[in-house]
Amino acid sequence: MCNLDKHRRIPADGSRSIIHFPNLSEPDRANGIISIEALEDHFVASVPLALKHKLDFKDTMQFAVNFGGDTSGISEGYGGLVEIYKFVADSVLPRFTRFFT
């Protein structure tokens, strides 16, 4: 928290999509059966045609936004910001209530 003050904004630094392939086992990943190539505006996932059934992801895609970056000195996801908020709201601010009453 020492890197931020009450007037500073935390910019959205980037985002990521998380796709889970439930049919793809750990040995499959370790053997390099799946190949994922990152291009400018999309990704290409490749597997041998006989194993294409292992790429069924059954609507388990997740999307995450990262906050912070190089200029703010932090990089947190939504969950990290919630933890910081709860800590300040539940542990820090109650110590100062006597000054505001």
N, C-alpha and C. Protein backbone atom coordinates (compact mmCIF):
# COMPACT_ATOMS: atom_id res chain seq x y z
N MET A 1 0.81 -1.19 0.00
CA MET A 1 0.00 0.00 0.00
C MET A 1 0.86 1.26 0.00
N CYS A 2 2.11 1.16 0.36
CA CYS A 2 2.93 2.36 0.40
C CYS A 2 3.17 2.94 -0.99
N ASN A 3 2.95 2.15 -2.04
CA ASN A 3 3.15 2.65 -3.39
C ASN A 3 1.96 3.45 -3.91
N LEU A 4 0.84 3.41 -3.22
CA LEU A 4 -0.36 4.09 -3.66
C LEU A 4 -0.81 5.10 -2.62
N ASP A 5 -1.37 6.19 -3.05
CA ASP A 5 -2.01 7.09 -2.11
C ASP A 5 -3.49 7.19 -2.46
N LYS A 6 -4.25 7.89 -1.67
CA LYS A 6 -5.70 7.89 -1.84
C LYS A 6 -6.15 8.60 -3.11
N HIS A 7 -5.30 9.36 -3.77
CA HIS A 7 -5.69 10.09 -4.97
C HIS A 7 -5.17 9.46 -6.25
N ARG A 8 -4.50 8.35 -6.13
CA ARG A 8 -3.90 7.72 -7.29
C ARG A 8 -4.81 6.64 -7.85
N ARG A 9 -4.91 6.56 -9.14
CA ARG A 9 -5.74 5.56 -9.79
C ARG A 9 -4.90 4.34 -10.15
N ILE A 10 -5.53 3.19 -10.15
CA ILE A 10 -4.87 1.96 -10.55
C ILE A 10 -5.40 1.61 -11.94
N PRO A 11 -4.58 1.74 -12.97
CA PRO A 11 -5.07 1.49 -14.32
C PRO A 11 -5.24 0.00 -14.61
N ALA A 12 -6.15 -0.31 -15.52
CA ALA A 12 -6.26 -1.68 -16.02
C ALA A 12 -5.08 -1.90 -16.95
N ASP A 13 -4.23 -2.85 -16.61
CA ASP A 13 -2.97 -3.05 -17.33
C ASP A 13 -3.10 -4.05 -18.46
N GLY A 14 -3.98 -4.97 -18.37
CA GLY A 14 -4.10 -5.99 -19.41
C GLY A 14 -5.17 -6.98 -19.03
N SER A 15 -5.36 -7.92 -19.87
CA SER A 15 -6.36 -8.93 -19.60
C SER A 15 -5.85 -10.27 -20.09
N ARG A 16 -6.51 -11.31 -19.65
CA ARG A 16 -6.14 -12.64 -20.11
C ARG A 16 -7.38 -13.51 -20.13
N SER A 17 -7.39 -14.43 -21.02
CA SER A 17 -8.45 -15.42 -21.10
C SER A 17 -7.87 -16.75 -20.65
N ILE A 18 -8.63 -17.46 -19.86
CA ILE A 18 -8.19 -18.75 -19.35
C ILE A 18 -9.15 -19.80 -19.88
N ILE A 19 -8.63 -20.72 -20.66
CA ILE A 19 -9.46 -21.79 -21.20
C ILE A 19 -8.94 -23.10 -20.64
N HIS A 20 -9.83 -23.85 -20.06
CA HIS A 20 -9.47 -25.15 -19.48
C HIS A 20 -9.96 -26.25 -20.41
N PHE A 21 -9.06 -27.12 -20.81
CA PHE A 21 -9.42 -28.27 -21.64
C PHE A 21 -9.48 -29.49 -20.74
N PRO A 22 -10.68 -29.89 -20.27
CA PRO A 22 -10.78 -30.99 -19.30
C PRO A 22 -10.35 -32.34 -19.85
N ASN A 23 -10.38 -32.54 -21.16
CA ASN A 23 -9.99 -33.83 -21.74
C ASN A 23 -8.49 -33.94 -21.98
N LEU A 24 -7.76 -32.86 -21.77
CA LEU A 24 -6.31 -32.86 -21.98
C LEU A 24 -5.62 -33.21 -20.67
N SER A 25 -4.94 -34.34 -20.63
CA SER A 25 -4.32 -34.81 -19.39
C SER A 25 -2.95 -34.16 -19.19
N GLU A 26 -2.42 -34.30 -17.98
CA GLU A 26 -1.08 -33.78 -17.68
C GLU A 26 -0.01 -34.42 -18.58
N PRO A 27 -0.06 -35.74 -18.82
CA PRO A 27 0.93 -36.31 -19.75
C PRO A 27 0.82 -35.72 -21.16
N ASP A 28 -0.42 -35.41 -21.59
CA ASP A 28 -0.58 -34.77 -22.91
C ASP A 28 0.12 -33.42 -22.94
N ARG A 29 -0.07 -32.63 -21.88
CA ARG A 29 0.58 -31.32 -21.83
C ARG A 29 2.10 -31.47 -21.76
N ALA A 30 2.57 -32.42 -20.97
CA ALA A 30 4.02 -32.62 -20.80
C ALA A 30 4.67 -33.09 -22.09
N ASN A 31 3.95 -33.87 -22.88
CA ASN A 31 4.50 -34.38 -24.14
C ASN A 31 4.42 -33.36 -25.26
N GLY A 32 3.82 -32.22 -25.00
CA GLY A 32 3.74 -31.18 -26.02
C GLY A 32 2.78 -31.48 -27.14
N ILE A 33 1.73 -32.26 -26.84
CA ILE A 33 0.74 -32.60 -27.87
C ILE A 33 0.03 -31.35 -28.36
N ILE A 34 -0.26 -30.43 -27.46
CA ILE A 34 -0.94 -29.20 -27.85
C ILE A 34 0.10 -28.10 -28.07
N SER A 35 -0.10 -27.34 -29.12
CA SER A 35 0.78 -26.21 -29.42
C SER A 35 -0.09 -24.97 -29.49
N ILE A 36 0.26 -23.95 -28.73
CA ILE A 36 -0.50 -22.70 -28.73
C ILE A 36 0.41 -21.58 -29.19
N GLU A 37 -0.01 -20.91 -30.25
CA GLU A 37 0.77 -19.81 -30.84
C GLU A 37 0.03 -18.51 -30.61
N ALA A 38 0.71 -17.52 -30.05
CA ALA A 38 0.12 -16.20 -29.80
C ALA A 38 0.43 -15.30 -30.99
N LEU A 39 -0.62 -14.81 -31.63
CA LEU A 39 -0.47 -13.87 -32.72
C LEU A 39 -0.90 -12.49 -32.26
N GLU A 40 -0.91 -11.52 -33.14
CA GLU A 40 -1.18 -10.14 -32.74
C GLU A 40 -2.55 -9.97 -32.09
N ASP A 41 -3.58 -10.59 -32.65
CA ASP A 41 -4.92 -10.38 -32.11
C ASP A 41 -5.68 -11.67 -31.84
N HIS A 42 -4.99 -12.81 -31.86
CA HIS A 42 -5.65 -14.08 -31.56
C HIS A 42 -4.60 -15.16 -31.26
N PHE A 43 -5.11 -16.31 -30.85
CA PHE A 43 -4.25 -17.46 -30.56
C PHE A 43 -4.66 -18.61 -31.48
N VAL A 44 -3.70 -19.46 -31.80
CA VAL A 44 -3.97 -20.65 -32.59
C VAL A 44 -3.53 -21.85 -31.76
N ALA A 45 -4.47 -22.76 -31.49
CA ALA A 45 -4.16 -23.99 -30.76
C ALA A 45 -4.16 -25.14 -31.77
N SER A 46 -3.10 -25.94 -31.75
CA SER A 46 -2.96 -27.04 -32.70
C SER A 46 -2.71 -28.35 -31.97
N VAL A 47 -3.37 -29.40 -32.45
CA VAL A 47 -3.14 -30.76 -31.97
C VAL A 47 -3.23 -31.68 -33.18
N PRO A 48 -2.70 -32.89 -33.08
CA PRO A 48 -2.92 -33.85 -34.17
C PRO A 48 -4.42 -34.07 -34.36
N LEU A 49 -4.85 -34.24 -35.59
CA LEU A 49 -6.27 -34.36 -35.92
C LEU A 49 -6.96 -35.48 -35.14
N ALA A 50 -6.26 -36.57 -34.90
CA ALA A 50 -6.85 -37.70 -34.17
C ALA A 50 -7.15 -37.34 -32.71
N LEU A 51 -6.54 -36.26 -32.19
CA LEU A 51 -6.74 -35.87 -30.79
C LEU A 51 -7.57 -34.59 -30.64
N LYS A 52 -8.24 -34.17 -31.69
CA LYS A 52 -9.00 -32.91 -31.62
C LYS A 52 -10.10 -32.96 -30.56
N HIS A 53 -10.59 -34.14 -30.21
CA HIS A 53 -11.62 -34.26 -29.16
C HIS A 53 -11.09 -33.80 -27.80
N LYS A 54 -9.78 -33.78 -27.65
CA LYS A 54 -9.20 -33.33 -26.37
C LYS A 54 -9.26 -31.82 -26.20
N LEU A 55 -9.63 -31.09 -27.25
CA LEU A 55 -9.71 -29.62 -27.16
C LEU A 55 -11.12 -29.12 -26.85
N ASP A 56 -12.06 -30.01 -26.58
CA ASP A 56 -13.39 -29.57 -26.17
C ASP A 56 -13.27 -28.88 -24.82
N PHE A 57 -13.73 -27.62 -24.74
CA PHE A 57 -13.59 -26.91 -23.47
C PHE A 57 -14.89 -26.68 -22.74
N LYS A 58 -16.01 -27.05 -23.27
CA LYS A 58 -17.30 -27.11 -22.58
C LYS A 58 -17.61 -25.87 -21.72
N ASP A 59 -17.47 -24.70 -22.31
CA ASP A 59 -17.88 -23.44 -21.66
C ASP A 59 -17.21 -23.19 -20.32
N THR A 60 -15.96 -23.51 -20.18
CA THR A 60 -15.27 -23.21 -18.92
C THR A 60 -14.26 -22.08 -19.10
N MET A 61 -14.49 -21.22 -20.07
CA MET A 61 -13.57 -20.11 -20.32
C MET A 61 -13.75 -19.04 -19.25
N GLN A 62 -12.65 -18.49 -18.77
CA GLN A 62 -12.66 -17.42 -17.78
C GLN A 62 -11.93 -16.22 -18.34
N PHE A 63 -12.29 -15.06 -17.86
CA PHE A 63 -11.64 -13.83 -18.30
C PHE A 63 -11.16 -13.08 -17.07
N ALA A 64 -9.95 -12.60 -17.09
CA ALA A 64 -9.39 -11.88 -15.95
C ALA A 64 -8.80 -10.55 -16.41
N VAL A 65 -8.96 -9.52 -15.59
CA VAL A 65 -8.37 -8.21 -15.86
C VAL A 65 -7.29 -7.96 -14.82
N ASN A 66 -6.12 -7.53 -15.26
CA ASN A 66 -5.02 -7.21 -14.35
C ASN A 66 -4.97 -5.70 -14.14
N PHE A 67 -4.78 -5.30 -12.91
CA PHE A 67 -4.71 -3.88 -12.57
C PHE A 67 -3.29 -3.54 -12.14
N GLY A 68 -2.86 -2.33 -12.47
CA GLY A 68 -1.53 -1.88 -12.07
C GLY A 68 -0.63 -1.78 -13.27
N GLY A 69 0.61 -2.14 -13.08
CA GLY A 69 1.58 -2.08 -14.18
C GLY A 69 2.87 -1.46 -13.73
N ASP A 70 3.69 -1.12 -14.68
CA ASP A 70 5.03 -0.61 -14.38
C ASP A 70 5.02 0.70 -13.60
N THR A 71 4.13 1.63 -13.96
CA THR A 71 4.16 2.94 -13.30
C THR A 71 3.59 2.93 -11.90
N SER A 72 2.65 2.01 -11.62
CA SER A 72 2.05 1.99 -10.29
C SER A 72 2.84 1.14 -9.31
N GLY A 73 3.68 0.27 -9.80
CA GLY A 73 4.49 -0.56 -8.92
C GLY A 73 3.80 -1.80 -8.40
N ILE A 74 2.54 -2.01 -8.80
CA ILE A 74 1.85 -3.23 -8.40
C ILE A 74 1.22 -3.86 -9.63
N SER A 75 0.89 -5.11 -9.53
CA SER A 75 0.12 -5.80 -10.56
C SER A 75 -0.76 -6.80 -9.84
N GLU A 76 -2.05 -6.54 -9.82
CA GLU A 76 -2.99 -7.37 -9.09
C GLU A 76 -4.18 -7.70 -9.97
N GLY A 77 -4.76 -8.84 -9.72
CA GLY A 77 -6.03 -9.20 -10.32
C GLY A 77 -7.16 -8.69 -9.44
N TYR A 78 -8.37 -8.96 -9.85
CA TYR A 78 -9.53 -8.50 -9.10
C TYR A 78 -9.53 -9.05 -7.67
N GLY A 79 -9.18 -10.32 -7.52
CA GLY A 79 -9.14 -10.93 -6.19
C GLY A 79 -8.15 -10.26 -5.26
N GLY A 80 -7.00 -9.86 -5.79
CA GLY A 80 -6.00 -9.17 -4.98
C GLY A 80 -6.49 -7.81 -4.51
N LEU A 81 -7.21 -7.09 -5.38
CA LEU A 81 -7.76 -5.80 -4.97
C LEU A 81 -8.84 -5.96 -3.91
N VAL A 82 -9.63 -7.02 -4.02
CA VAL A 82 -10.64 -7.29 -2.99
C VAL A 82 -9.98 -7.58 -1.65
N GLU A 83 -8.89 -8.34 -1.66
CA GLU A 83 -8.17 -8.63 -0.41
C GLU A 83 -7.61 -7.35 0.21
N ILE A 84 -7.04 -6.46 -0.62
CA ILE A 84 -6.51 -5.20 -0.11
C ILE A 84 -7.64 -4.37 0.49
N TYR A 85 -8.77 -4.30 -0.21
CA TYR A 85 -9.92 -3.54 0.29
C TYR A 85 -10.40 -4.08 1.63
N LYS A 86 -10.55 -5.40 1.72
CA LYS A 86 -11.03 -6.01 2.97
C LYS A 86 -10.05 -5.75 4.12
N PHE A 87 -8.75 -5.84 3.84
CA PHE A 87 -7.76 -5.57 4.87
C PHE A 87 -7.88 -4.14 5.39
N VAL A 88 -7.96 -3.18 4.46
CA VAL A 88 -8.06 -1.78 4.87
C VAL A 88 -9.37 -1.53 5.60
N ALA A 89 -10.47 -2.05 5.05
CA ALA A 89 -11.79 -1.80 5.65
C ALA A 89 -11.96 -2.49 7.01
N ASP A 90 -11.43 -3.69 7.14
CA ASP A 90 -11.65 -4.47 8.36
C ASP A 90 -10.56 -4.32 9.41
N SER A 91 -9.33 -4.02 8.99
CA SER A 91 -8.22 -3.98 9.95
C SER A 91 -7.65 -2.59 10.17
N VAL A 92 -7.50 -1.82 9.11
CA VAL A 92 -6.84 -0.53 9.23
C VAL A 92 -7.79 0.58 9.68
N LEU A 93 -8.88 0.77 8.95
CA LEU A 93 -9.79 1.87 9.26
C LEU A 93 -10.41 1.80 10.65
N PRO A 94 -10.79 0.62 11.16
CA PRO A 94 -11.35 0.60 12.52
C PRO A 94 -10.42 1.16 13.59
N ARG A 95 -9.13 1.13 13.36
CA ARG A 95 -8.18 1.69 14.33
C ARG A 95 -8.28 3.21 14.43
N PHE A 96 -8.87 3.85 13.42
CA PHE A 96 -8.96 5.31 13.39
C PHE A 96 -10.34 5.83 13.72
N THR A 97 -11.27 4.96 14.10
CA THR A 97 -12.65 5.41 14.36
C THR A 97 -12.70 6.43 15.51
N ARG A 98 -11.82 6.33 16.48
CA ARG A 98 -11.86 7.28 17.60
C ARG A 98 -11.56 8.71 17.14
N PHE A 99 -10.86 8.87 16.02
CA PHE A 99 -10.58 10.20 15.51
C PHE A 99 -11.77 10.82 14.79
N PHE A 100 -12.72 9.99 14.38
CA PHE A 100 -13.86 10.47 13.61
C PHE A 100 -15.16 10.52 14.39
N THR A 101 -15.13 10.14 15.65
CA THR A 101 -16.36 10.17 16.45
C THR A 101 -16.37 11.31 17.44
